[in-house]
């Protein structure tokens, strides 16, 4: 999909949002970027898109309380204490 967008001369591709906490996925099958194991594959994706002179940016997201119905079972991260 991203290669097709780049081939079509899209100037900036924004990926679907990627979760930043492994245990919390608001949507099944979504992208992730919660540890360094993803770096090499995302480098390949970036290089592929750059071959067609397009740019790509990853939208990162944290689902917070939307990831589970029982907040007590998860650590919820926030921008402040």
PDB file of N, CA and C in Angstrom:
ATOM      1  N   UNK A   1       0.816  -1.182   0.000  1.00  0.00           N
ATOM      2  CA  UNK A   1       0.000   0.000   0.000  1.00  0.00           C
ATOM      3  C   UNK A   1       0.873   1.265   0.000  1.00  0.00           C
ATOM      4  N   UNK A   2       1.872   1.306   0.870  1.00  0.00           N
ATOM      5  CA  UNK A   2       2.713   2.503   0.958  1.00  0.00           C
ATOM      6  C   UNK A   2       3.530   2.703  -0.311  1.00  0.00           C
ATOM      7  N   UNK A   3       3.981   1.604  -0.910  1.00  0.00           N
ATOM      8  CA  UNK A   3       4.726   1.728  -2.165  1.00  0.00           C
ATOM      9  C   UNK A   3       3.824   2.277  -3.267  1.00  0.00           C
ATOM     10  N   UNK A   4       2.599   1.808  -3.322  1.00  0.00           N
ATOM     11  CA  UNK A   4       1.671   2.301  -4.343  1.00  0.00           C
ATOM     12  C   UNK A   4       1.402   3.796  -4.165  1.00  0.00           C
ATOM     13  N   UNK A   5       1.252   4.219  -2.929  1.00  0.00           N
ATOM     14  CA  UNK A   5       1.071   5.652  -2.673  1.00  0.00           C
ATOM     15  C   UNK A   5       2.292   6.439  -3.134  1.00  0.00           C
ATOM     16  N   UNK A   6       3.473   5.938  -2.810  1.00  0.00           N
ATOM     17  CA  UNK A   6       4.706   6.622  -3.204  1.00  0.00           C
ATOM     18  C   UNK A   6       4.848   6.662  -4.726  1.00  0.00           C
ATOM     19  N   UNK A   7       4.533   5.551  -5.386  1.00  0.00           N
ATOM     20  CA  UNK A   7       4.585   5.515  -6.852  1.00  0.00           C
ATOM     21  C   UNK A   7       3.626   6.526  -7.460  1.00  0.00           C
ATOM     22  N   UNK A   8       2.524   6.754  -6.780  1.00  0.00           N
ATOM     23  CA  UNK A   8       1.522   7.710  -7.259  1.00  0.00           C
ATOM     24  C   UNK A   8       1.876   9.154  -6.964  1.00  0.00           C
ATOM     25  N   UNK A   9       3.107   9.377  -6.532  1.00  0.00           N
ATOM     26  CA  UNK A   9       3.658  10.709  -6.290  1.00  0.00           C
ATOM     27  C   UNK A   9       2.986  11.446  -5.138  1.00  0.00           C
ATOM     28  N   UNK A  10       2.555  10.687  -4.137  1.00  0.00           N
ATOM     29  CA  UNK A  10       2.041  11.313  -2.922  1.00  0.00           C
ATOM     30  C   UNK A  10       3.225  11.963  -2.218  1.00  0.00           C
ATOM     31  N   UNK A  11       3.098  13.214  -1.859  1.00  0.00           N
ATOM     32  CA  UNK A  11       4.218  13.945  -1.266  1.00  0.00           C
ATOM     33  C   UNK A  11       4.541  13.532   0.155  1.00  0.00           C
ATOM     34  N   UNK A  12       3.502  13.245   0.953  1.00  0.00           N
ATOM     35  CA  UNK A  12       3.694  12.840   2.341  1.00  0.00           C
ATOM     36  C   UNK A  12       2.697  11.745   2.678  1.00  0.00           C
ATOM     37  N   UNK A  13       3.229  10.623   3.122  1.00  0.00           N
ATOM     38  CA  UNK A  13       2.400   9.494   3.542  1.00  0.00           C
ATOM     39  C   UNK A  13       2.401   9.456   5.062  1.00  0.00           C
ATOM     40  N   UNK A  14       1.219   9.396   5.648  1.00  0.00           N
ATOM     41  CA  UNK A  14       1.083   9.239   7.095  1.00  0.00           C
ATOM     42  C   UNK A  14       0.562   7.828   7.322  1.00  0.00           C
ATOM     43  N   UNK A  15       1.329   7.041   8.070  1.00  0.00           N
ATOM     44  CA  UNK A  15       0.905   5.664   8.325  1.00  0.00           C
ATOM     45  C   UNK A  15      -0.327   5.656   9.214  1.00  0.00           C
ATOM     46  N   UNK A  16      -0.957   4.512   9.314  1.00  0.00           N
ATOM     47  CA  UNK A  16      -1.972   4.345  10.346  1.00  0.00           C
ATOM     48  C   UNK A  16      -1.284   4.444  11.690  1.00  0.00           C
ATOM     49  N   UNK A  17      -2.034   4.736  12.722  1.00  0.00           N
ATOM     50  CA  UNK A  17      -1.363   4.953  13.996  1.00  0.00           C
ATOM     51  C   UNK A  17      -0.783   3.671  14.568  1.00  0.00           C
ATOM     52  N   UNK A  18       0.361   3.821  15.231  1.00  0.00           N
ATOM     53  CA  UNK A  18       1.120   2.696  15.780  1.00  0.00           C
ATOM     54  C   UNK A  18       1.103   2.771  17.303  1.00  0.00           C
ATOM     55  N   UNK A  19       0.824   1.632  17.925  1.00  0.00           N
ATOM     56  CA  UNK A  19       0.784   1.637  19.387  1.00  0.00           C
ATOM     57  C   UNK A  19       2.184   1.657  19.976  1.00  0.00           C
ATOM     58  N   UNK A  20       2.315   2.269  21.141  1.00  0.00           N
ATOM     59  CA  UNK A  20       3.615   2.429  21.785  1.00  0.00           C
ATOM     60  C   UNK A  20       3.780   1.556  23.023  1.00  0.00           C
ATOM     61  N   UNK A  21       2.739   0.797  23.365  1.00  0.00           N
ATOM     62  CA  UNK A  21       2.782  -0.109  24.514  1.00  0.00           C
ATOM     63  C   UNK A  21       2.321  -1.479  24.025  1.00  0.00           C
ATOM     64  N   UNK A  22       3.181  -2.476  24.129  1.00  0.00           N
ATOM     65  CA  UNK A  22       2.909  -3.798  23.557  1.00  0.00           C
ATOM     66  C   UNK A  22       1.577  -4.390  24.005  1.00  0.00           C
ATOM     67  N   UNK A  23       1.261  -4.271  25.268  1.00  0.00           N
ATOM     68  CA  UNK A  23       0.069  -4.920  25.805  1.00  0.00           C
ATOM     69  C   UNK A  23      -1.234  -4.215  25.435  1.00  0.00           C
ATOM     70  N   UNK A  24      -1.150  -3.057  24.880  1.00  0.00           N
ATOM     71  CA  UNK A  24      -2.357  -2.282  24.630  1.00  0.00           C
ATOM     72  C   UNK A  24      -2.512  -1.952  23.154  1.00  0.00           C
ATOM     73  N   UNK A  25      -3.488  -2.591  22.533  1.00  0.00           N
ATOM     74  CA  UNK A  25      -3.778  -2.359  21.129  1.00  0.00           C
ATOM     75  C   UNK A  25      -5.249  -1.988  21.004  1.00  0.00           C
ATOM     76  N   UNK A  26      -5.535  -0.721  20.797  1.00  0.00           N
ATOM     77  CA  UNK A  26      -6.931  -0.330  20.633  1.00  0.00           C
ATOM     78  C   UNK A  26      -7.591  -1.016  19.439  1.00  0.00           C
ATOM     79  N   UNK A  27      -6.820  -1.348  18.413  1.00  0.00           N
ATOM     80  CA  UNK A  27      -7.355  -1.999  17.215  1.00  0.00           C
ATOM     81  C   UNK A  27      -6.493  -3.200  16.854  1.00  0.00           C
ATOM     82  N   UNK A  28      -7.131  -4.319  16.617  1.00  0.00           N
ATOM     83  CA  UNK A  28      -6.400  -5.532  16.237  1.00  0.00           C
ATOM     84  C   UNK A  28      -5.642  -5.304  14.932  1.00  0.00           C
ATOM     85  N   UNK A  29      -4.427  -5.826  14.860  1.00  0.00           N
ATOM     86  CA  UNK A  29      -3.637  -5.743  13.638  1.00  0.00           C
ATOM     87  C   UNK A  29      -2.952  -4.412  13.397  1.00  0.00           C
ATOM     88  N   UNK A  30      -3.029  -3.511  14.355  1.00  0.00           N
ATOM     89  CA  UNK A  30      -2.410  -2.199  14.137  1.00  0.00           C
ATOM     90  C   UNK A  30      -0.889  -2.286  14.207  1.00  0.00           C
ATOM     91  N   UNK A  31      -0.232  -1.307  13.639  1.00  0.00           N
ATOM     92  CA  UNK A  31       1.224  -1.227  13.673  1.00  0.00           C
ATOM     93  C   UNK A  31       1.688  -1.012  15.107  1.00  0.00           C
ATOM     94  N   UNK A  32       2.949  -1.331  15.355  1.00  0.00           N
ATOM     95  CA  UNK A  32       3.529  -1.113  16.674  1.00  0.00           C
ATOM     96  C   UNK A  32       4.905  -0.488  16.563  1.00  0.00           C
ATOM     97  N   UNK A  33       5.304   0.183  17.609  1.00  0.00           N
ATOM     98  CA  UNK A  33       6.651   0.757  17.703  1.00  0.00           C
ATOM     99  C   UNK A  33       7.029   0.828  19.178  1.00  0.00           C
ATOM    100  N   UNK A  34       6.778  -0.263  19.880  1.00  0.00           N
ATOM    101  CA  UNK A  34       6.984  -0.283  21.330  1.00  0.00           C
ATOM    102  C   UNK A  34       8.326  -0.844  21.755  1.00  0.00           C
ATOM    103  N   UNK A  35       9.157  -1.274  20.811  1.00  0.00           N
ATOM    104  CA  UNK A  35      10.536  -1.648  21.147  1.00  0.00           C
ATOM    105  C   UNK A  35      11.397  -1.582  19.885  1.00  0.00           C
ATOM    106  N   UNK A  36      12.680  -1.754  20.058  1.00  0.00           N
ATOM    107  CA  UNK A  36      13.626  -1.592  18.949  1.00  0.00           C
ATOM    108  C   UNK A  36      13.540  -2.678  17.887  1.00  0.00           C
ATOM    109  N   UNK A  37      12.804  -3.743  18.130  1.00  0.00           N
ATOM    110  CA  UNK A  37      12.716  -4.822  17.140  1.00  0.00           C
ATOM    111  C   UNK A  37      12.041  -4.362  15.845  1.00  0.00           C
ATOM    112  N   UNK A  38      11.341  -3.267  15.866  1.00  0.00           N
ATOM    113  CA  UNK A  38      10.637  -2.760  14.690  1.00  0.00           C
ATOM    114  C   UNK A  38      11.518  -1.905  13.786  1.00  0.00           C
ATOM    115  N   UNK A  39      12.625  -1.445  14.282  1.00  0.00           N
ATOM    116  CA  UNK A  39      13.417  -0.433  13.582  1.00  0.00           C
ATOM    117  C   UNK A  39      13.854  -0.877  12.194  1.00  0.00           C
ATOM    118  N   UNK A  40      14.399  -2.055  12.057  1.00  0.00           N
ATOM    119  CA  UNK A  40      14.917  -2.497  10.752  1.00  0.00           C
ATOM    120  C   UNK A  40      13.821  -2.561   9.693  1.00  0.00           C
ATOM    121  N   UNK A  41      12.656  -3.091  10.045  1.00  0.00           N
ATOM    122  CA  UNK A  41      11.573  -3.182   9.062  1.00  0.00           C
ATOM    123  C   UNK A  41      11.046  -1.801   8.684  1.00  0.00           C
ATOM    124  N   UNK A  42      10.958  -0.908   9.650  1.00  0.00           N
ATOM    125  CA  UNK A  42      10.497   0.441   9.335  1.00  0.00           C
ATOM    126  C   UNK A  42      11.542   1.213   8.537  1.00  0.00           C
ATOM    127  N   UNK A  43      12.810   0.896   8.727  1.00  0.00           N
ATOM    128  CA  UNK A  43      13.861   1.488   7.880  1.00  0.00           C
ATOM    129  C   UNK A  43      13.654   1.062   6.432  1.00  0.00           C
ATOM    130  N   UNK A  44      13.364  -0.222   6.234  1.00  0.00           N
ATOM    131  CA  UNK A  44      13.121  -0.729   4.874  1.00  0.00           C
ATOM    132  C   UNK A  44      11.925  -0.022   4.244  1.00  0.00           C
ATOM    133  N   UNK A  45      10.869   0.152   5.017  1.00  0.00           N
ATOM    134  CA  UNK A  45       9.686   0.845   4.514  1.00  0.00           C
ATOM    135  C   UNK A  45      10.029   2.281   4.132  1.00  0.00           C
ATOM    136  N   UNK A  46      10.775   2.949   4.976  1.00  0.00           N
ATOM    137  CA  UNK A  46      11.171   4.332   4.714  1.00  0.00           C
ATOM    138  C   UNK A  46      12.016   4.426   3.453  1.00  0.00           C
ATOM    139  N   UNK A  47      12.974   3.526   3.311  1.00  0.00           N
ATOM    140  CA  UNK A  47      13.825   3.524   2.117  1.00  0.00           C
ATOM    141  C   UNK A  47      13.006   3.258   0.860  1.00  0.00           C
ATOM    142  N   UNK A  48      12.043   2.362   0.946  1.00  0.00           N
ATOM    143  CA  UNK A  48      11.179   2.053  -0.192  1.00  0.00           C
ATOM    144  C   UNK A  48      10.416   3.298  -0.636  1.00  0.00           C
ATOM    145  N   UNK A  49       9.818   3.979   0.295  1.00  0.00           N
ATOM    146  CA  UNK A  49       9.058   5.191  -0.014  1.00  0.00           C
ATOM    147  C   UNK A  49       9.973   6.284  -0.563  1.00  0.00           C
ATOM    148  N   UNK A  50      11.152   6.417   0.006  1.00  0.00           N
ATOM    149  CA  UNK A  50      12.090   7.447  -0.444  1.00  0.00           C
ATOM    150  C   UNK A  50      12.581   7.202  -1.873  1.00  0.00           C
ATOM    151  N   UNK A  51      12.554   5.957  -2.338  1.00  0.00           N
ATOM    152  CA  UNK A  51      12.951   5.661  -3.725  1.00  0.00           C
ATOM    153  C   UNK A  51      12.092   6.425  -4.724  1.00  0.00           C
ATOM    154  N   UNK A  52      10.883   6.756  -4.328  1.00  0.00           N
ATOM    155  CA  UNK A  52       9.943   7.447  -5.213  1.00  0.00           C
ATOM    156  C   UNK A  52       9.808   8.932  -4.850  1.00  0.00           C
ATOM    157  N   UNK A  53      10.768   9.422  -4.074  1.00  0.00           N
ATOM    158  CA  UNK A  53      10.801  10.832  -3.664  1.00  0.00           C
ATOM    159  C   UNK A  53       9.599  11.258  -2.827  1.00  0.00           C
ATOM    160  N   UNK A  54       8.987  10.318  -2.150  1.00  0.00           N
ATOM    161  CA  UNK A  54       7.919  10.636  -1.202  1.00  0.00           C
ATOM    162  C   UNK A  54       8.496  10.668   0.204  1.00  0.00           C
ATOM    163  N   UNK A  55       7.762  11.234   1.099  1.00  0.00           N
ATOM    164  CA  UNK A  55       8.120  11.269   2.522  1.00  0.00           C
ATOM    165  C   UNK A  55       7.113  10.400   3.276  1.00  0.00           C
ATOM    166  N   UNK A  56       7.534   9.906   4.442  1.00  0.00           N
ATOM    167  CA  UNK A  56       6.638   9.096   5.259  1.00  0.00           C
ATOM    168  C   UNK A  56       6.839   9.451   6.720  1.00  0.00           C
ATOM    169  N   UNK A  57       5.753   9.497   7.448  1.00  0.00           N
ATOM    170  CA  UNK A  57       5.794   9.777   8.881  1.00  0.00           C
ATOM    171  C   UNK A  57       4.878   8.770   9.580  1.00  0.00           C
ATOM    172  N   UNK A  58       5.319   8.305  10.733  1.00  0.00           N
ATOM    173  CA  UNK A  58       4.512   7.362  11.496  1.00  0.00           C
ATOM    174  C   UNK A  58       3.726   8.111  12.560  1.00  0.00           C
ATOM    175  N   UNK A  59       2.437   7.889  12.561  1.00  0.00           N
ATOM    176  CA  UNK A  59       1.592   8.449  13.605  1.00  0.00           C
ATOM    177  C   UNK A  59       1.633   7.492  14.794  1.00  0.00           C
ATOM    178  N   UNK A  60       2.086   7.969  15.940  1.00  0.00           N
ATOM    179  CA  UNK A  60       2.127   7.109  17.120  1.00  0.00           C
ATOM    180  C   UNK A  60       0.945   7.444  18.023  1.00  0.00           C
ATOM    181  N   UNK A  61       0.472   6.423  18.740  1.00  0.00           N
ATOM    182  CA  UNK A  61      -0.711   6.624  19.567  1.00  0.00           C
ATOM    183  C   UNK A  61      -0.648   5.774  20.819  1.00  0.00           C
ATOM    184  N   UNK A  62      -1.235   6.303  21.841  1.00  0.00           N
ATOM    185  CA  UNK A  62      -1.417   5.555  23.080  1.00  0.00           C
ATOM    186  C   UNK A  62      -2.903   5.560  23.386  1.00  0.00           C
ATOM    187  N   UNK A  63      -3.479   4.387  23.466  1.00  0.00           N
ATOM    188  CA  UNK A  63      -4.919   4.269  23.651  1.00  0.00           C
ATOM    189  C   UNK A  63      -5.416   4.602  25.043  1.00  0.00           C
ATOM    190  N   UNK A  64      -4.540   4.516  26.032  1.00  0.00           N
ATOM    191  CA  UNK A  64      -4.941   4.847  27.399  1.00  0.00           C
ATOM    192  C   UNK A  64      -6.121   4.032  27.880  1.00  0.00           C
ATOM    193  N   UNK A  65      -7.122   4.704  28.389  1.00  0.00           N
ATOM    194  CA  UNK A  65      -8.286   4.002  28.935  1.00  0.00           C
ATOM    195  C   UNK A  65      -9.126   3.340  27.855  1.00  0.00           C
ATOM    196  N   UNK A  66      -8.877   3.616  26.607  1.00  0.00           N
ATOM    197  CA  UNK A  66      -9.649   3.015  25.510  1.00  0.00           C
ATOM    198  C   UNK A  66      -9.160   1.616  25.147  1.00  0.00           C
ATOM    199  N   UNK A  67      -8.092   1.152  25.776  1.00  0.00           N
ATOM    200  CA  UNK A  67      -7.531  -0.150  25.431  1.00  0.00           C
ATOM    201  C   UNK A  67      -8.136  -1.294  26.226  1.00  0.00           C
ATOM    202  N   UNK A  68      -8.862  -1.002  27.261  1.00  0.00           N
ATOM    203  CA  UNK A  68      -9.444  -2.045  28.094  1.00  0.00           C
ATOM    204  C   UNK A  68     -10.646  -1.486  28.840  1.00  0.00           C
ATOM    205  N   UNK A  69     -11.579  -2.339  29.137  1.00  0.00           N
ATOM    206  CA  UNK A  69     -12.747  -1.878  29.888  1.00  0.00           C
ATOM    207  C   UNK A  69     -12.456  -1.781  31.377  1.00  0.00           C
ATOM    208  N   UNK A  70     -11.420  -2.473  31.848  1.00  0.00           N
ATOM    209  CA  UNK A  70     -11.081  -2.488  33.266  1.00  0.00           C
ATOM    210  C   UNK A  70      -9.756  -1.765  33.472  1.00  0.00           C
ATOM    211  N   UNK A  71      -9.811  -0.493  33.757  1.00  0.00           N
ATOM    212  CA  UNK A  71      -8.601   0.311  33.914  1.00  0.00           C
ATOM    213  C   UNK A  71      -7.701  -0.248  35.005  1.00  0.00           C
ATOM    214  N   UNK A  72      -8.271  -0.880  36.014  1.00  0.00           N
ATOM    215  CA  UNK A  72      -7.488  -1.412  37.117  1.00  0.00           C
ATOM    216  C   UNK A  72      -6.509  -2.496  36.725  1.00  0.00           C
ATOM    217  N   UNK A  73      -6.682  -3.107  35.580  1.00  0.00           N
ATOM    218  CA  UNK A  73      -5.779  -4.185  35.159  1.00  0.00           C
ATOM    219  C   UNK A  73      -4.587  -3.693  34.350  1.00  0.00           C
ATOM    220  N   UNK A  74      -4.516  -2.420  34.055  1.00  0.00           N
ATOM    221  CA  UNK A  74      -3.435  -1.867  33.240  1.00  0.00           C
ATOM    222  C   UNK A  74      -2.815  -0.651  33.916  1.00  0.00           C
ATOM    223  N   UNK A  75      -1.558  -0.409  33.582  1.00  0.00           N
ATOM    224  CA  UNK A  75      -0.923   0.849  33.963  1.00  0.00           C
ATOM    225  C   UNK A  75      -1.323   1.867  32.908  1.00  0.00           C
ATOM    226  N   UNK A  76      -1.855   2.978  33.320  1.00  0.00           N
ATOM    227  CA  UNK A  76      -2.255   4.022  32.390  1.00  0.00           C
ATOM    228  C   UNK A  76      -1.198   5.127  32.433  1.00  0.00           C
ATOM    229  N   UNK A  77      -0.644   5.439  31.266  1.00  0.00           N
ATOM    230  CA  UNK A  77       0.372   6.480  31.160  1.00  0.00           C
ATOM    231  C   UNK A  77      -0.308   7.818  30.889  1.00  0.00           C
ATOM    232  N   UNK A  78       0.297   8.891  31.375  1.00  0.00           N
ATOM    233  CA  UNK A  78      -0.258  10.229  31.172  1.00  0.00           C
ATOM    234  C   UNK A  78       0.889  11.231  31.056  1.00  0.00           C
ATOM    235  N   UNK A  79       0.613  12.424  30.519  1.00  0.00           N
ATOM    236  CA  UNK A  79       1.670  13.410  30.348  1.00  0.00           C
ATOM    237  C   UNK A  79       2.160  14.028  31.650  1.00  0.00           C
ATOM    238  N   UNK A  80       1.435  13.831  32.737  1.00  0.00           N
ATOM    239  CA  UNK A  80       1.859  14.384  34.025  1.00  0.00           C
ATOM    240  C   UNK A  80       1.425  13.453  35.153  1.00  0.00           C
ATOM    241  N   UNK A  81       1.902  13.726  36.365  1.00  0.00           N
ATOM    242  CA  UNK A  81       1.566  12.875  37.512  1.00  0.00           C
ATOM    243  C   UNK A  81       0.125  12.991  37.932  1.00  0.00           C
TER     244      UNK A  81
END
